Amino acid sequence: MSLALLSGYYGECGKRGGYMEVTGFSADVREQIYKVASVNLCSNISGQILASLVMSPPKVGDESYESYCAERDGILSSLARRAKTLEEAFNKLEGVTCNKAEGAMYLFPRIRLPGKAIKAAEAANKAADAFYCQRLLNATGVVVVPGSGFGQVPGTWHFRCTILPQEDKIPAIVTRLTEFHKKFMDEFRD
């Protein structure tokens, strides 16, 4: 059985559609799975249309094939540039390492926080990465998600950052993030 949810260049934020393929089960079992799925999976109409279009994109010779390919390739190229820009920016920050994005719309930088920051987070009754993320949001308006919500290895700190802001907005985000990070590290330097 496989389940696919659609995102990326096929849809906009908030658009959800999906499909499920059930193979290798008897007809009786498949019938029960479909019954359960029917109760729980209620995509909106636009999500259902989106799923249909994703499963059957324009083909060579179709009137819209060239424009489809141009739009798809343009979006994927832009996402790759955004990911690379953010990855490079994170890797320039003191105490931060970031792997490149491979097939996702997120980066998960690892941040090594000073002991004073970890103690301040404990005093605020927060995970250290949540403390950092909250301070980043308050100072810059940039939203990232603490890695502590993703089951990271104890004693390590991460955050999740999307690559979805418009490409022309990324440089300003990098500037705000870089300035915040320097001030944060200076404030809590051991």
Protein backbone atom coordinates (compact mmCIF):
# COMPACT_ATOMS: atom_id res chain seq x y z
CA MET A 1 0.00 0.00 0.00
CA SER A 2 1.32 3.49 -0.74
CA LEU A 3 -0.03 6.89 0.13
CA ALA A 4 1.07 10.05 -1.60
CA LEU A 5 0.41 13.60 -0.51
CA LEU A 6 0.90 16.33 -3.06
CA SER A 7 2.95 19.42 -2.48
CA GLY A 8 5.93 21.17 -4.01
CA TYR A 9 5.59 22.71 -7.40
CA TYR A 10 2.18 21.18 -8.03
CA GLY A 11 0.32 23.20 -5.46
CA GLU A 12 0.09 26.23 -3.31
CA CYS A 13 0.33 26.26 0.45
CA GLY A 14 -2.97 25.12 1.89
CA LYS A 15 -3.89 22.97 -1.11
CA ARG A 16 -4.01 19.34 -0.14
CA GLY A 17 -4.87 16.35 -2.22
CA GLY A 18 -3.76 12.78 -2.27
CA TYR A 19 -4.27 9.29 -3.49
CA MET A 20 -3.85 5.81 -2.07
CA GLU A 21 -2.99 2.66 -3.97
CA VAL A 22 -3.76 -0.66 -2.30
CA THR A 23 -2.07 -3.73 -3.78
CA GLY A 24 -1.31 -7.23 -2.57
CA PHE A 25 -4.41 -7.62 -0.41
CA SER A 26 -7.47 -9.80 -0.90
CA ALA A 27 -10.62 -8.14 -2.20
CA ASP A 28 -12.24 -8.33 1.26
CA VAL A 29 -9.28 -6.59 2.94
CA ARG A 30 -9.10 -3.95 0.17
CA GLU A 31 -12.80 -3.22 0.62
CA GLN A 32 -12.33 -2.60 4.35
CA ILE A 33 -9.26 -0.38 3.76
CA TYR A 34 -11.18 1.69 1.20
CA LYS A 35 -14.07 2.03 3.65
CA VAL A 36 -11.76 3.34 6.38
CA ALA A 37 -9.97 5.62 3.93
CA SER A 38 -13.27 7.00 2.62
CA VAL A 39 -14.28 8.06 6.11
CA ASN A 40 -10.96 9.73 6.94
CA LEU A 41 -9.75 11.18 3.66
CA CYS A 42 -11.99 14.00 2.55
CA SER A 43 -9.96 16.27 0.30
CA ASN A 44 -11.57 19.47 -0.76
CA ILE A 45 -12.70 19.67 -4.39
CA SER A 46 -9.67 21.69 -5.51
CA GLY A 47 -7.39 19.16 -3.77
CA GLN A 48 -9.08 16.32 -5.65
CA ILE A 49 -8.71 18.16 -8.96
CA LEU A 50 -5.06 18.87 -8.13
CA ALA A 51 -4.43 15.17 -7.38
CA SER A 52 -5.99 14.22 -10.71
CA LEU A 53 -3.85 16.73 -12.61
CA VAL A 54 -0.66 15.61 -10.86
CA MET A 55 -1.36 11.98 -11.71
CA SER A 56 -1.94 12.87 -15.36
CA PRO A 57 0.17 15.91 -16.34
CA PRO A 58 0.23 17.25 -19.92
CA LYS A 59 2.03 14.93 -22.35
CA VAL A 60 4.21 15.64 -25.38
CA GLY A 61 1.92 16.92 -28.09
CA ASP A 62 -0.66 18.37 -25.69
CA GLU A 63 -1.34 22.06 -26.23
CA SER A 64 -0.21 22.96 -22.71
CA TYR A 65 2.87 20.67 -22.56
CA GLU A 66 5.50 23.34 -23.30
CA SER A 67 4.04 25.89 -20.89
CA TYR A 68 3.67 23.18 -18.23
CA CYS A 69 7.35 22.18 -18.60
CA ALA A 70 8.52 25.80 -18.56
CA GLU A 71 6.52 26.58 -15.42
CA ARG A 72 7.56 23.36 -13.67
CA ASP A 73 11.23 23.82 -14.52
CA GLY A 74 11.14 27.50 -13.52
CA ILE A 75 9.61 26.70 -10.13
CA LEU A 76 12.02 23.83 -9.45
CA SER A 77 15.02 25.99 -10.43
CA SER A 78 13.84 28.78 -8.17
CA LEU A 79 13.34 26.38 -5.25
CA ALA A 80 16.86 25.01 -5.79
CA ARG A 81 18.34 28.53 -5.79
CA ARG A 82 16.44 29.46 -2.62
CA ALA A 83 17.58 26.29 -0.86
CA LYS A 84 21.20 26.87 -1.88
CA THR A 85 21.14 30.53 -0.76
CA LEU A 86 19.71 29.62 2.65
CA GLU A 87 22.01 26.62 3.09
CA GLU A 88 25.07 28.77 2.36
CA ALA A 89 23.84 31.50 4.71
CA PHE A 90 23.28 29.03 7.55
CA ASN A 91 26.71 27.47 7.07
CA LYS A 92 28.31 30.93 7.44
CA LEU A 93 26.71 31.47 10.86
CA GLU A 94 28.78 30.80 13.96
CA GLY A 95 27.97 27.37 15.39
CA VAL A 96 25.52 26.43 12.63
CA THR A 97 25.82 23.61 10.11
CA CYS A 98 23.28 22.81 7.45
CA ASN A 99 23.06 19.97 4.96
CA LYS A 100 21.70 20.70 1.53
CA ALA A 101 18.03 20.17 0.83
CA GLU A 102 17.40 17.06 -1.20
CA GLY A 103 13.83 16.71 -2.32
CA ALA A 104 12.22 18.70 0.46
CA MET A 105 11.00 22.24 0.96
CA TYR A 106 12.82 22.51 4.28
CA LEU A 107 16.30 22.85 5.68
CA PHE A 108 17.17 21.53 9.16
CA PRO A 109 20.22 23.49 10.38
CA ARG A 110 21.96 22.24 13.49
CA ILE A 111 22.82 24.99 15.96
CA ARG A 112 25.38 24.73 18.72
CA LEU A 113 24.16 27.11 21.39
CA PRO A 114 26.35 28.66 24.09
CA GLY A 115 25.88 27.35 27.63
CA LYS A 116 24.44 30.71 28.73
CA ALA A 117 21.70 30.42 26.08
CA ILE A 118 20.87 26.90 27.21
CA LYS A 119 20.66 28.08 30.84
CA ALA A 120 18.48 31.04 29.83
CA ALA A 121 16.18 28.64 27.97
CA GLU A 122 15.96 26.39 31.02
CA ALA A 123 15.13 29.41 33.20
CA ALA A 124 12.35 30.27 30.72
CA ASN A 125 11.17 26.63 30.88
CA LYS A 126 11.80 26.14 27.13
CA ALA A 127 13.88 23.82 25.01
CA ALA A 128 17.01 25.69 23.90
CA ASP A 129 16.09 25.57 20.22
CA ALA A 130 12.56 26.81 20.99
CA PHE A 131 14.13 29.65 22.99
CA TYR A 132 16.31 30.57 19.98
CA CYS A 133 13.38 30.34 17.54
CA GLN A 134 11.13 32.50 19.74
CA ARG A 135 13.84 35.15 20.07
CA LEU A 136 14.38 35.05 16.28
CA LEU A 137 10.66 35.53 15.65
CA ASN A 138 10.35 38.39 18.13
CA ALA A 139 13.42 40.19 16.78
CA THR A 140 12.95 39.67 13.03
CA GLY A 141 9.53 38.29 12.20
CA VAL A 142 11.26 35.24 10.66
CA VAL A 143 9.44 32.03 11.59
CA VAL A 144 11.34 28.76 12.00
CA VAL A 145 10.23 25.64 13.85
CA PRO A 146 12.26 24.23 16.75
CA GLY A 147 13.82 20.86 16.06
CA SER A 148 12.86 19.67 19.54
CA GLY A 149 9.41 18.96 18.08
CA PHE A 150 10.90 16.44 15.62
CA GLY A 151 12.55 13.99 18.01
CA GLN A 152 16.14 15.16 17.59
CA VAL A 153 19.03 13.44 19.37
CA PRO A 154 19.12 14.62 23.02
CA GLY A 155 21.68 17.36 23.58
CA THR A 156 21.51 18.58 19.98
CA TRP A 157 19.56 21.58 18.73
CA HIS A 158 18.06 22.22 15.31
CA PHE A 159 15.36 24.21 13.65
CA ARG A 160 13.34 23.71 10.49
CA CYS A 161 13.26 26.47 7.92
CA THR A 162 11.16 26.42 4.77
CA ILE A 163 12.53 27.47 1.38
CA LEU A 164 9.12 28.67 0.18
CA PRO A 165 9.29 32.47 0.62
CA GLN A 166 9.39 34.28 -2.72
CA GLU A 167 12.88 34.22 -4.17
CA ASP A 168 13.25 38.00 -4.12
CA LYS A 169 12.49 37.99 -0.36
CA ILE A 170 15.27 35.51 0.53
CA PRO A 171 18.15 38.06 0.67
CA ALA A 172 16.28 40.20 3.22
CA ILE A 173 15.52 37.09 5.30
CA VAL A 174 19.19 36.11 5.21
CA THR A 175 20.21 39.61 6.32
CA ARG A 176 17.74 39.66 9.24
CA LEU A 177 18.68 36.12 10.28
CA THR A 178 22.42 36.84 10.09
CA GLU A 179 22.16 40.05 12.13
CA PHE A 180 19.97 38.38 14.75
CA HIS A 181 22.25 35.36 15.06
CA LYS A 182 25.36 37.50 15.60
CA LYS A 183 23.61 39.54 18.33
CA PHE A 184 22.21 36.38 19.96
CA MET A 185 25.60 34.68 20.05
CA ASP A 186 27.27 37.83 21.39
CA GLU A 187 24.61 38.19 24.10
CA PHE A 188 24.99 34.60 25.33
CA ARG A 189 28.67 34.00 24.64
CA ASP A 190 30.28 31.96 27.44
